Each structure stands twice: as C-alpha cells, then as structure tokens.
Amino acid sequence: MIDRGDPLYAAWVLALVLGLRRGEVLGLTWDSVNFDTGELYVDHQLQRAGRAILHRETKTEDSDDFLPLPDLCLAALKLRRQQQLDAKRAAGDLWQDRHDLIFTTRYGTPIEPGNLTRHFAVRARRAGGRVIPLRNTRHTTSSLLVALKVHPKIAQRILRHSQIAMTLEVYAEATEEQVREALQRLAGGFTT
C-alpha cells in the first residue's frame, strides 16, 4: 500500500499509472499540469550531468505529449500541491524555487535522481511488495496495459514510444496462460 502522506506519493502514482521515466517525473513543473482539462504535458526531464542537475527538454519530440490524467493522478497531484505549499511555509526564507518543480526537497531544491531511486526501493520494501528498480515501473505499466488488452497504438501514445516497434516489443511478451487461451480459441474455430 502506498502511503498518501509520503511527499513522493504522486511521483509513484505517475510512474506506475502513466509509465513516466524517473527524469520525466522529476522534471515536471506546475505549468505542466492543467487541472481544468485534466492533462499533463511531459516535455522536460531532470538529469544529473557530472556535478550538476540539469532541467532540460526530453530527449525526443516523441517523448513530448499531453496525457489525460485519470482521477487517481489528479488527486495525487492536488495532494502534492498542498504538501509543497506546507513545505514552503515551513521552510520560510530557506525555500529555493528555481523551476517551479512539482517534486522537490523540503527546501524547494531539485531531488537528486539517485535519491528518488533509493526512496522507491525503501517504499517498495515497506509496502511488502516485490521490490523492483524504479526504472522497471515503466515496464510494469506496459505489462498492465497488455493485461488490460489495451490496443498497442493507444499504449504507444501513453508510453510516448517514438516507434510502434518499441511498444510491440512489450506486447510480444506473452504469458503461458495467454498462449494457452489463444490456442484454445484457435482450435475452437476448427471444431464443428
């Protein structure tokens, strides 16, 4: 179970529901969210480059896209907004707000990407679930879309893959149960 009081709760929701990459989650700004239309624009990422943490555009234009936000994501982002406003009040003059990032430290500074990865591992262990690396949550999202029988073109848009081949690579992974079911349906077509 994910703790809604966790300041990174919305980050985990976005990573698992929308399949956002670590850098994309950390690069989101409040300007990226349109609460009125229920959309999120993914166009920036946060990356470590040597000693610097850089807020830069996503690597390809195909990665830039508006995504509709399900109610779970909207609620998580509204909660995050309140958490951040509370942190800003508590930090007072120590608050540093350079990019209007959604996910920051308690003083408004960017979160170190490696720290987000470590926090995810800690939260996963506490939740008692199978611990997977944060980078694998994108694959989890893809696998869940397959299990829900979402059309590959829709999954491509959600995951913002530049090529359908990338999406189909995930869809090519079939469970034993899916193979058995498909063969049963095929065989059923031959019986009279």
N, C-alpha and C. Protein backbone atom coordinates (compact mmCIF):
# COMPACT_ATOMS: atom_id res chain seq x y z
N MET A 1 0.84 -1.18 0.00
CA MET A 1 0.00 0.00 0.00
C MET A 1 0.88 1.24 0.00
N ILE A 2 0.58 2.17 -0.85
CA ILE A 2 1.33 3.41 -0.94
C ILE A 2 0.76 4.39 0.08
N ASP A 3 1.66 5.03 0.83
CA ASP A 3 1.27 5.99 1.86
C ASP A 3 1.00 7.35 1.22
N ARG A 4 -0.25 7.82 1.31
CA ARG A 4 -0.62 9.11 0.71
C ARG A 4 0.07 10.29 1.40
N GLY A 5 0.56 10.09 2.62
CA GLY A 5 1.28 11.15 3.32
C GLY A 5 2.72 11.30 2.84
N ASP A 6 3.19 10.35 2.10
CA ASP A 6 4.54 10.38 1.53
C ASP A 6 4.62 11.54 0.54
N PRO A 7 5.60 12.44 0.69
CA PRO A 7 5.71 13.56 -0.25
C PRO A 7 5.96 13.12 -1.69
N LEU A 8 6.36 11.86 -1.86
CA LEU A 8 6.61 11.34 -3.21
C LEU A 8 5.47 10.44 -3.70
N TYR A 9 4.37 10.40 -2.96
CA TYR A 9 3.22 9.58 -3.35
C TYR A 9 2.82 9.86 -4.79
N ALA A 10 2.67 11.12 -5.17
CA ALA A 10 2.26 11.46 -6.54
C ALA A 10 3.30 11.01 -7.57
N ALA A 11 4.57 11.03 -7.20
CA ALA A 11 5.62 10.55 -8.11
C ALA A 11 5.42 9.07 -8.41
N TRP A 12 5.13 8.30 -7.35
CA TRP A 12 4.94 6.86 -7.55
C TRP A 12 3.69 6.60 -8.40
N VAL A 13 2.63 7.36 -8.16
CA VAL A 13 1.41 7.20 -8.94
C VAL A 13 1.68 7.50 -10.42
N LEU A 14 2.37 8.59 -10.70
CA LEU A 14 2.65 8.96 -12.09
C LEU A 14 3.56 7.94 -12.77
N ALA A 15 4.53 7.42 -12.04
CA ALA A 15 5.45 6.43 -12.61
C ALA A 15 4.71 5.14 -12.95
N LEU A 16 3.81 4.72 -12.07
CA LEU A 16 3.12 3.45 -12.28
C LEU A 16 1.91 3.55 -13.21
N VAL A 17 1.17 4.63 -13.14
CA VAL A 17 -0.03 4.76 -13.97
C VAL A 17 0.30 5.26 -15.37
N LEU A 18 1.16 6.25 -15.48
CA LEU A 18 1.48 6.83 -16.78
C LEU A 18 2.77 6.30 -17.39
N GLY A 19 3.51 5.54 -16.61
CA GLY A 19 4.77 4.99 -17.13
C GLY A 19 5.84 6.05 -17.34
N LEU A 20 5.79 7.13 -16.55
CA LEU A 20 6.80 8.18 -16.70
C LEU A 20 8.16 7.69 -16.26
N ARG A 21 9.18 8.14 -16.95
CA ARG A 21 10.57 7.83 -16.59
C ARG A 21 10.96 8.66 -15.37
N ARG A 22 11.98 8.24 -14.66
CA ARG A 22 12.45 8.94 -13.46
C ARG A 22 12.73 10.41 -13.75
N GLY A 23 13.47 10.69 -14.79
CA GLY A 23 13.81 12.07 -15.13
C GLY A 23 12.60 12.90 -15.51
N GLU A 24 11.61 12.25 -16.15
CA GLU A 24 10.39 12.96 -16.53
C GLU A 24 9.58 13.33 -15.29
N VAL A 25 9.48 12.42 -14.34
CA VAL A 25 8.77 12.71 -13.10
C VAL A 25 9.42 13.90 -12.40
N LEU A 26 10.75 13.84 -12.27
CA LEU A 26 11.47 14.90 -11.55
C LEU A 26 11.48 16.22 -12.31
N GLY A 27 11.31 16.17 -13.63
CA GLY A 27 11.34 17.38 -14.45
C GLY A 27 10.00 18.08 -14.59
N LEU A 28 8.94 17.48 -14.05
CA LEU A 28 7.62 18.09 -14.17
C LEU A 28 7.54 19.40 -13.39
N THR A 29 6.92 20.38 -14.00
CA THR A 29 6.68 21.66 -13.33
C THR A 29 5.17 21.82 -13.16
N TRP A 30 4.79 22.77 -12.33
CA TRP A 30 3.36 23.01 -12.14
C TRP A 30 2.72 23.53 -13.41
N ASP A 31 3.51 24.16 -14.29
CA ASP A 31 2.97 24.59 -15.59
C ASP A 31 2.65 23.39 -16.48
N SER A 32 3.21 22.22 -16.16
CA SER A 32 2.96 21.00 -16.94
C SER A 32 1.56 20.43 -16.68
N VAL A 33 0.94 20.86 -15.59
CA VAL A 33 -0.35 20.30 -15.18
C VAL A 33 -1.46 21.29 -15.47
N ASN A 34 -2.49 20.81 -16.17
CA ASN A 34 -3.68 21.63 -16.37
C ASN A 34 -4.80 20.94 -15.59
N PHE A 35 -5.11 21.45 -14.41
CA PHE A 35 -6.14 20.85 -13.57
C PHE A 35 -7.53 21.02 -14.18
N ASP A 36 -7.72 22.09 -14.98
CA ASP A 36 -9.04 22.33 -15.59
C ASP A 36 -9.37 21.29 -16.65
N THR A 37 -8.39 20.98 -17.51
CA THR A 37 -8.63 20.00 -18.58
C THR A 37 -8.24 18.59 -18.17
N GLY A 38 -7.55 18.46 -17.04
CA GLY A 38 -7.12 17.15 -16.57
C GLY A 38 -6.04 16.56 -17.45
N GLU A 39 -5.05 17.40 -17.81
CA GLU A 39 -3.97 16.95 -18.69
C GLU A 39 -2.61 17.26 -18.09
N LEU A 40 -1.66 16.46 -18.50
CA LEU A 40 -0.27 16.64 -18.10
C LEU A 40 0.57 16.73 -19.36
N TYR A 41 1.41 17.76 -19.44
CA TYR A 41 2.30 17.90 -20.59
C TYR A 41 3.70 17.48 -20.16
N VAL A 42 4.20 16.43 -20.78
CA VAL A 42 5.52 15.91 -20.46
C VAL A 42 6.49 16.44 -21.50
N ASP A 43 7.36 17.36 -21.12
CA ASP A 43 8.30 17.91 -22.09
C ASP A 43 9.67 18.22 -21.50
N HIS A 44 9.85 17.99 -20.20
CA HIS A 44 11.13 18.23 -19.55
C HIS A 44 11.54 17.04 -18.70
N GLN A 45 12.81 16.99 -18.41
CA GLN A 45 13.34 15.96 -17.53
C GLN A 45 14.45 16.57 -16.68
N LEU A 46 14.70 15.91 -15.58
CA LEU A 46 15.78 16.32 -14.70
C LEU A 46 16.84 15.23 -14.78
N GLN A 47 18.09 15.64 -15.03
CA GLN A 47 19.18 14.69 -15.18
C GLN A 47 20.41 15.17 -14.45
N ARG A 48 21.17 14.21 -13.98
CA ARG A 48 22.47 14.52 -13.39
C ARG A 48 23.48 14.49 -14.52
N ALA A 49 24.30 15.54 -14.58
CA ALA A 49 25.39 15.63 -15.56
C ALA A 49 26.63 16.07 -14.80
N GLY A 50 27.45 15.12 -14.44
CA GLY A 50 28.62 15.44 -13.62
C GLY A 50 28.18 15.90 -12.25
N ARG A 51 28.58 17.10 -11.88
CA ARG A 51 28.21 17.65 -10.57
C ARG A 51 26.91 18.45 -10.60
N ALA A 52 26.36 18.62 -11.79
CA ALA A 52 25.16 19.46 -11.93
C ALA A 52 23.91 18.62 -12.16
N ILE A 53 22.79 19.13 -11.68
CA ILE A 53 21.49 18.56 -12.00
C ILE A 53 20.86 19.53 -12.99
N LEU A 54 20.53 19.01 -14.17
CA LEU A 54 20.02 19.86 -15.25
C LEU A 54 18.55 19.61 -15.50
N HIS A 55 17.82 20.70 -15.71
CA HIS A 55 16.41 20.64 -16.10
C HIS A 55 16.39 20.95 -17.59
N ARG A 56 16.16 19.92 -18.40
CA ARG A 56 16.24 20.11 -19.85
C ARG A 56 15.07 19.44 -20.55
N GLU A 57 14.94 19.75 -21.83
CA GLU A 57 13.85 19.16 -22.61
C GLU A 57 14.06 17.65 -22.74
N THR A 58 12.94 16.93 -22.94
CA THR A 58 13.03 15.48 -23.11
C THR A 58 13.86 15.17 -24.35
N LYS A 59 14.36 13.93 -24.41
CA LYS A 59 15.33 13.59 -25.44
C LYS A 59 14.79 13.62 -26.86
N THR A 60 13.51 13.33 -27.05
CA THR A 60 12.96 13.39 -28.41
C THR A 60 11.61 14.09 -28.37
N GLU A 61 11.21 14.61 -29.52
CA GLU A 61 9.90 15.26 -29.60
C GLU A 61 8.78 14.26 -29.37
N ASP A 62 9.02 12.98 -29.71
CA ASP A 62 8.01 11.96 -29.49
C ASP A 62 7.75 11.75 -28.01
N SER A 63 8.73 12.09 -27.17
CA SER A 63 8.54 11.97 -25.72
C SER A 63 7.65 13.08 -25.19
N ASP A 64 7.57 14.20 -25.93
CA ASP A 64 6.72 15.33 -25.52
C ASP A 64 5.28 15.02 -25.89
N ASP A 65 4.39 15.12 -24.94
CA ASP A 65 2.99 14.87 -25.27
C ASP A 65 2.10 15.28 -24.11
N PHE A 66 0.85 15.57 -24.47
CA PHE A 66 -0.18 15.80 -23.47
C PHE A 66 -0.77 14.44 -23.14
N LEU A 67 -0.91 14.16 -21.87
CA LEU A 67 -1.55 12.92 -21.44
C LEU A 67 -2.76 13.27 -20.59
N PRO A 68 -3.89 12.61 -20.84
CA PRO A 68 -5.03 12.82 -19.95
C PRO A 68 -4.71 12.24 -18.58
N LEU A 69 -5.12 12.92 -17.55
CA LEU A 69 -4.84 12.46 -16.19
C LEU A 69 -6.06 11.77 -15.60
N PRO A 70 -5.93 10.48 -15.30
CA PRO A 70 -7.03 9.81 -14.59
C PRO A 70 -7.23 10.47 -13.22
N ASP A 71 -8.40 10.26 -12.64
CA ASP A 71 -8.74 10.88 -11.35
C ASP A 71 -7.69 10.58 -10.28
N LEU A 72 -7.16 9.36 -10.26
CA LEU A 72 -6.13 9.00 -9.27
C LEU A 72 -4.92 9.93 -9.38
N CYS A 73 -4.50 10.20 -10.61
CA CYS A 73 -3.34 11.08 -10.82
C CYS A 73 -3.66 12.52 -10.45
N LEU A 74 -4.83 12.98 -10.83
CA LEU A 74 -5.24 14.36 -10.47
C LEU A 74 -5.29 14.55 -8.96
N ALA A 75 -5.89 13.58 -8.27
CA ALA A 75 -5.98 13.68 -6.81
C ALA A 75 -4.59 13.66 -6.18
N ALA A 76 -3.70 12.82 -6.70
CA ALA A 76 -2.33 12.75 -6.16
C ALA A 76 -1.59 14.06 -6.39
N LEU A 77 -1.78 14.68 -7.54
CA LEU A 77 -1.12 15.95 -7.83
C LEU A 77 -1.68 17.09 -6.97
N LYS A 78 -2.98 17.07 -6.72
CA LYS A 78 -3.56 18.10 -5.84
C LYS A 78 -3.03 17.94 -4.42
N LEU A 79 -2.90 16.70 -3.98
CA LEU A 79 -2.32 16.43 -2.66
C LEU A 79 -0.87 16.92 -2.63
N ARG A 80 -0.12 16.66 -3.70
CA ARG A 80 1.28 17.09 -3.75
C ARG A 80 1.38 18.61 -3.70
N ARG A 81 0.47 19.27 -4.37
CA ARG A 81 0.48 20.75 -4.37
C ARG A 81 0.34 21.27 -2.94
N GLN A 82 -0.58 20.68 -2.19
CA GLN A 82 -0.79 21.10 -0.80
C GLN A 82 0.44 20.77 0.05
N GLN A 83 1.01 19.57 -0.15
CA GLN A 83 2.22 19.19 0.59
C GLN A 83 3.35 20.18 0.33
N GLN A 84 3.48 20.58 -0.93
CA GLN A 84 4.56 21.50 -1.28
C GLN A 84 4.32 22.90 -0.69
N LEU A 85 3.08 23.35 -0.69
CA LEU A 85 2.76 24.64 -0.09
C LEU A 85 3.06 24.62 1.42
N ASP A 86 2.75 23.50 2.07
CA ASP A 86 3.05 23.34 3.51
C ASP A 86 4.57 23.36 3.73
N ALA A 87 5.32 22.67 2.85
CA ALA A 87 6.78 22.63 2.97
C ALA A 87 7.37 24.03 2.76
N LYS A 88 6.80 24.77 1.82
CA LYS A 88 7.28 26.13 1.53
C LYS A 88 7.08 27.03 2.74
N ARG A 89 5.91 26.93 3.37
CA ARG A 89 5.65 27.73 4.58
C ARG A 89 6.62 27.34 5.69
N ALA A 90 6.86 26.05 5.86
CA ALA A 90 7.76 25.58 6.92
C ALA A 90 9.20 26.00 6.66
N ALA A 91 9.61 26.02 5.40
CA ALA A 91 11.00 26.38 5.06
C ALA A 91 11.24 27.89 5.15
N GLY A 92 10.20 28.66 4.95
CA GLY A 92 10.34 30.12 5.02
C GLY A 92 11.37 30.65 4.04
N ASP A 93 12.33 31.43 4.55
CA ASP A 93 13.36 32.05 3.70
C ASP A 93 14.33 31.04 3.09
N LEU A 94 14.34 29.83 3.60
CA LEU A 94 15.24 28.81 3.06
C LEU A 94 14.71 28.18 1.77
N TRP A 95 13.45 28.47 1.42
CA TRP A 95 12.84 27.88 0.23
C TRP A 95 13.52 28.42 -1.03
N GLN A 96 13.90 27.52 -1.92
CA GLN A 96 14.53 27.87 -3.20
C GLN A 96 13.66 27.32 -4.32
N ASP A 97 13.13 28.17 -5.15
CA ASP A 97 12.20 27.74 -6.19
C ASP A 97 12.73 28.17 -7.55
N ARG A 98 13.55 27.33 -8.16
CA ARG A 98 14.18 27.71 -9.43
C ARG A 98 13.32 27.41 -10.65
N HIS A 99 12.69 26.25 -10.69
CA HIS A 99 11.98 25.85 -11.90
C HIS A 99 10.49 25.58 -11.67
N ASP A 100 10.00 25.84 -10.46
CA ASP A 100 8.60 25.55 -10.13
C ASP A 100 8.32 24.05 -10.28
N LEU A 101 9.31 23.24 -9.86
CA LEU A 101 9.19 21.79 -9.96
C LEU A 101 8.11 21.25 -9.03
N ILE A 102 7.46 20.19 -9.46
CA ILE A 102 6.44 19.54 -8.64
C ILE A 102 7.09 18.76 -7.51
N PHE A 103 8.16 18.07 -7.82
CA PHE A 103 8.82 17.22 -6.82
C PHE A 103 10.15 17.86 -6.43
N THR A 104 10.21 18.28 -5.18
CA THR A 104 11.38 18.97 -4.66
C THR A 104 11.72 18.43 -3.27
N THR A 105 12.86 18.86 -2.79
CA THR A 105 13.20 18.58 -1.40
C THR A 105 12.33 19.47 -0.52
N ARG A 106 12.47 19.35 0.77
CA ARG A 106 11.66 20.18 1.67
C ARG A 106 12.06 21.65 1.62
N TYR A 107 13.14 21.96 0.89
CA TYR A 107 13.58 23.36 0.74
C TYR A 107 13.37 23.87 -0.68
N GLY A 108 12.67 23.09 -1.51
CA GLY A 108 12.35 23.55 -2.86
C GLY A 108 13.41 23.26 -3.90
N THR A 109 14.48 22.60 -3.51
CA THR A 109 15.54 22.28 -4.48
C THR A 109 15.20 21.00 -5.22
N PRO A 110 15.78 20.81 -6.41
CA PRO A 110 15.51 19.58 -7.17
C PRO A 110 15.93 18.33 -6.39
N ILE A 111 15.20 17.26 -6.57
CA ILE A 111 15.55 15.99 -5.95
C ILE A 111 16.64 15.32 -6.78
N GLU A 112 17.65 14.86 -6.10
CA GLU A 112 18.73 14.10 -6.75
C GLU A 112 18.10 12.84 -7.36
N PRO A 113 18.29 12.59 -8.68
CA PRO A 113 17.67 11.42 -9.31
C PRO A 113 17.99 10.10 -8.60
N GLY A 114 19.22 9.92 -8.16
CA GLY A 114 19.58 8.69 -7.44
C GLY A 114 18.82 8.54 -6.14
N ASN A 115 18.51 9.66 -5.50
CA ASN A 115 17.75 9.60 -4.25
C ASN A 115 16.31 9.14 -4.50
N LEU A 116 15.75 9.56 -5.62
CA LEU A 116 14.40 9.10 -5.95
C LEU A 116 14.39 7.58 -6.11
N THR A 117 15.40 7.06 -6.76
CA THR A 117 15.52 5.61 -6.95
C THR A 117 15.62 4.91 -5.60
N ARG A 118 16.44 5.44 -4.71
CA ARG A 118 16.60 4.83 -3.38
C ARG A 118 15.31 4.92 -2.57
N HIS A 119 14.63 6.05 -2.64
CA HIS A 119 13.36 6.21 -1.92
C HIS A 119 12.33 5.19 -2.41
N PHE A 120 12.33 4.95 -3.72
CA PHE A 120 11.38 3.99 -4.28
C PHE A 120 11.63 2.59 -3.71
N ALA A 121 12.90 2.19 -3.64
CA ALA A 121 13.24 0.87 -3.12
C ALA A 121 12.80 0.74 -1.65
N VAL A 122 13.02 1.79 -0.88
CA VAL A 122 12.62 1.78 0.54
C VAL A 122 11.10 1.66 0.64
N ARG A 123 10.36 2.45 -0.15
CA ARG A 123 8.89 2.43 -0.10
C ARG A 123 8.36 1.06 -0.53
N ALA A 124 8.97 0.47 -1.54
CA ALA A 124 8.52 -0.84 -2.02
C ALA A 124 8.73 -1.91 -0.95
N ARG A 125 9.88 -1.85 -0.27
CA ARG A 125 10.13 -2.82 0.81
C ARG A 125 9.12 -2.64 1.93
N ARG A 126 8.86 -1.40 2.32
CA ARG A 126 7.90 -1.12 3.40
C ARG A 126 6.50 -1.60 3.05
N ALA A 127 6.16 -1.50 1.77
CA ALA A 127 4.82 -1.90 1.33
C ALA A 127 4.68 -3.42 1.30
N GLY A 128 5.80 -4.11 1.37
CA GLY A 128 5.75 -5.56 1.38
C GLY A 128 5.59 -6.18 0.01
N GLY A 129 5.66 -5.36 -1.02
CA GLY A 129 5.53 -5.88 -2.39
C GLY A 129 6.87 -6.35 -2.92
N ARG A 130 6.83 -6.90 -4.11
CA ARG A 130 8.05 -7.30 -4.78
C ARG A 130 8.85 -6.05 -5.11
N VAL A 131 10.09 -6.02 -4.71
CA VAL A 131 10.92 -4.84 -4.95
C VAL A 131 11.51 -4.91 -6.36
N ILE A 132 11.15 -3.90 -7.16
CA ILE A 132 11.71 -3.78 -8.50
C ILE A 132 12.41 -2.44 -8.59
N PRO A 133 13.39 -2.31 -9.47
CA PRO A 133 14.02 -1.00 -9.65
C PRO A 133 13.01 0.02 -10.20
N LEU A 134 13.17 1.26 -9.84
CA LEU A 134 12.27 2.32 -10.30
C LEU A 134 12.18 2.34 -11.83
N ARG A 135 13.30 2.11 -12.50
CA ARG A 135 13.29 2.15 -13.96
C ARG A 135 12.37 1.07 -14.56
N ASN A 136 12.08 0.02 -13.78
CA ASN A 136 11.22 -1.06 -14.28
C ASN A 136 9.74 -0.76 -14.14
N THR A 137 9.38 0.34 -13.47
CA THR A 137 7.96 0.64 -13.34
C THR A 137 7.35 0.95 -14.71
N ARG A 138 8.15 1.45 -15.61
CA ARG A 138 7.67 1.72 -16.97
C ARG A 138 7.27 0.41 -17.65
N HIS A 139 8.07 -0.62 -17.44
CA HIS A 139 7.75 -1.93 -18.00
C HIS A 139 6.51 -2.51 -17.30
N THR A 140 6.37 -2.24 -16.02
CA THR A 140 5.19 -2.68 -15.28
C THR A 140 3.94 -2.05 -15.88
N THR A 141 4.00 -0.76 -16.16
CA THR A 141 2.88 -0.07 -16.79
C THR A 141 2.56 -0.72 -18.13
N SER A 142 3.59 -0.98 -18.92
CA SER A 142 3.40 -1.61 -20.23
C SER A 142 2.73 -2.97 -20.08
N SER A 143 3.22 -3.77 -19.13
CA SER A 143 2.66 -5.11 -18.92
C SER A 143 1.20 -5.04 -18.47
N LEU A 144 0.88 -4.07 -17.64
CA LEU A 144 -0.50 -3.91 -17.20
C LEU A 144 -1.41 -3.50 -18.35
N LEU A 145 -0.91 -2.65 -19.24
CA LEU A 145 -1.68 -2.26 -20.42
C LEU A 145 -1.96 -3.49 -21.30
N VAL A 146 -0.96 -4.37 -21.43
CA VAL A 146 -1.15 -5.62 -22.18
C VAL A 146 -2.22 -6.46 -21.51
N ALA A 147 -2.10 -6.64 -20.19
CA ALA A 147 -3.06 -7.47 -19.44
C ALA A 147 -4.48 -6.91 -19.55
N LEU A 148 -4.60 -5.60 -19.65
CA LEU A 148 -5.91 -4.96 -19.79
C LEU A 148 -6.40 -4.94 -21.24
N LYS A 149 -5.59 -5.53 -22.13
CA LYS A 149 -5.92 -5.64 -23.56
C LYS A 149 -6.08 -4.27 -24.22
N VAL A 150 -5.24 -3.32 -23.83
CA VAL A 150 -5.24 -2.00 -24.44
C VAL A 150 -4.57 -2.13 -25.81
N HIS A 151 -5.17 -1.53 -26.82
CA HIS A 151 -4.63 -1.59 -28.17
C HIS A 151 -3.20 -1.03 -28.19
N PRO A 152 -2.29 -1.68 -28.94
CA PRO A 152 -0.88 -1.23 -28.97
C PRO A 152 -0.69 0.23 -29.37
N LYS A 153 -1.52 0.76 -30.27
CA LYS A 153 -1.37 2.17 -30.67
C LYS A 153 -1.72 3.11 -29.50
N ILE A 154 -2.67 2.71 -28.69
CA ILE A 154 -3.03 3.53 -27.52
C ILE A 154 -1.90 3.43 -26.50
N ALA A 155 -1.38 2.23 -26.30
CA ALA A 155 -0.25 2.06 -25.37
C ALA A 155 0.96 2.86 -25.85
N GLN A 156 1.19 2.89 -27.16
CA GLN A 156 2.30 3.67 -27.70
C GLN A 156 2.15 5.14 -27.32
N ARG A 157 0.95 5.65 -27.41
CA ARG A 157 0.71 7.06 -27.07
C ARG A 157 0.92 7.30 -25.58
N ILE A 158 0.40 6.39 -24.73
CA ILE A 158 0.54 6.54 -23.29
C ILE A 158 2.01 6.53 -22.90
N LEU A 159 2.75 5.59 -23.47
CA LEU A 159 4.17 5.42 -23.12
C LEU A 159 5.08 6.37 -23.91
N ARG A 160 4.49 7.05 -24.90
CA ARG A 160 5.23 8.00 -25.73
C ARG A 160 6.43 7.36 -26.41
N HIS A 161 6.22 6.16 -26.94
CA HIS A 161 7.26 5.50 -27.72
C HIS A 161 7.31 6.14 -29.10
N SER A 162 8.51 6.40 -29.59
CA SER A 162 8.64 7.02 -30.91
C SER A 162 8.29 6.03 -32.02
N GLN A 163 8.52 4.76 -31.79
CA GLN A 163 8.26 3.72 -32.79
C GLN A 163 7.30 2.68 -32.21
N ILE A 164 6.34 2.25 -33.01
CA ILE A 164 5.41 1.22 -32.55
C ILE A 164 6.16 -0.07 -32.25
N ALA A 165 7.29 -0.28 -32.89
CA ALA A 165 8.08 -1.50 -32.63
C ALA A 165 8.49 -1.59 -31.17
N MET A 166 8.76 -0.45 -30.54
CA MET A 166 9.13 -0.46 -29.12
C MET A 166 7.95 -0.95 -28.28
N THR A 167 6.76 -0.49 -28.63
CA THR A 167 5.57 -0.90 -27.90
C THR A 167 5.27 -2.37 -28.15
N LEU A 168 5.39 -2.79 -29.41
CA LEU A 168 5.10 -4.17 -29.75
C LEU A 168 6.09 -5.14 -29.11
N GLU A 169 7.27 -4.65 -28.81
CA GLU A 169 8.26 -5.48 -28.11
C GLU A 169 7.69 -5.94 -26.76
N VAL A 170 7.01 -5.04 -26.08
CA VAL A 170 6.38 -5.39 -24.81
C VAL A 170 5.20 -6.31 -25.06
N TYR A 171 4.42 -6.01 -26.11
CA TYR A 171 3.24 -6.80 -26.41
C TYR A 171 3.63 -8.20 -26.90
N ALA A 172 4.86 -8.35 -27.35
CA ALA A 172 5.32 -9.67 -27.82
C ALA A 172 5.53 -10.63 -26.66
N GLU A 173 5.71 -10.10 -25.47
CA GLU A 173 5.89 -10.96 -24.30
C GLU A 173 4.53 -11.51 -23.89
N ALA A 174 4.39 -12.81 -24.02
CA ALA A 174 3.11 -13.44 -23.71
C ALA A 174 3.29 -14.43 -22.56
N THR A 175 2.31 -14.44 -21.69
CA THR A 175 2.35 -15.39 -20.59
C THR A 175 1.91 -16.76 -21.09
N GLU A 176 2.23 -17.77 -20.35
CA GLU A 176 1.80 -19.14 -20.68
C GLU A 176 0.28 -19.21 -20.78
N GLU A 177 -0.39 -18.54 -19.86
CA GLU A 177 -1.85 -18.53 -19.85
C GLU A 177 -2.42 -17.88 -21.11
N GLN A 178 -1.81 -16.77 -21.56
CA GLN A 178 -2.28 -16.09 -22.76
C GLN A 178 -2.09 -16.97 -23.99
N VAL A 179 -0.96 -17.67 -24.06
CA VAL A 179 -0.70 -18.57 -25.19
C VAL A 179 -1.72 -19.70 -25.18
N ARG A 180 -1.97 -20.28 -24.02
CA ARG A 180 -2.93 -21.39 -23.89
C ARG A 180 -4.33 -20.93 -24.33
N GLU A 181 -4.75 -19.75 -23.86
CA GLU A 181 -6.07 -19.22 -24.21
C GLU A 181 -6.19 -18.97 -25.71
N ALA A 182 -5.14 -18.39 -26.31
CA ALA A 182 -5.16 -18.11 -27.75
C ALA A 182 -5.27 -19.40 -28.56
N LEU A 183 -4.52 -20.42 -28.15
CA LEU A 183 -4.57 -21.69 -28.88
C LEU A 183 -5.92 -22.37 -28.70
N GLN A 184 -6.52 -22.26 -27.52
CA GLN A 184 -7.85 -22.82 -27.30
C GLN A 184 -8.88 -22.14 -28.22
N ARG A 185 -8.80 -20.82 -28.33
CA ARG A 185 -9.72 -20.09 -29.21
C ARG A 185 -9.51 -20.49 -30.66
N LEU A 186 -8.23 -20.61 -31.08
CA LEU A 186 -7.92 -21.00 -32.44
C LEU A 186 -8.45 -22.41 -32.72
N ALA A 187 -8.17 -23.33 -31.82
CA ALA A 187 -8.65 -24.70 -32.00
C ALA A 187 -10.18 -24.76 -32.02
N GLY A 188 -10.81 -23.93 -31.21
CA GLY A 188 -12.27 -23.89 -31.19
C GLY A 188 -12.85 -23.48 -32.51
N GLY A 189 -12.13 -22.71 -33.28
CA GLY A 189 -12.58 -22.29 -34.60
C GLY A 189 -12.60 -23.42 -35.61
N PHE A 190 -11.85 -24.49 -35.34
CA PHE A 190 -11.77 -25.62 -36.27
C PHE A 190 -12.79 -26.69 -35.96
N THR A 191 -13.40 -26.66 -34.79
CA THR A 191 -14.36 -27.70 -34.43
C THR A 191 -15.73 -27.33 -34.95
N THR A 192 -16.48 -28.32 -35.30
CA THR A 192 -17.83 -28.05 -35.80
C THR A 192 -18.88 -28.70 -34.95
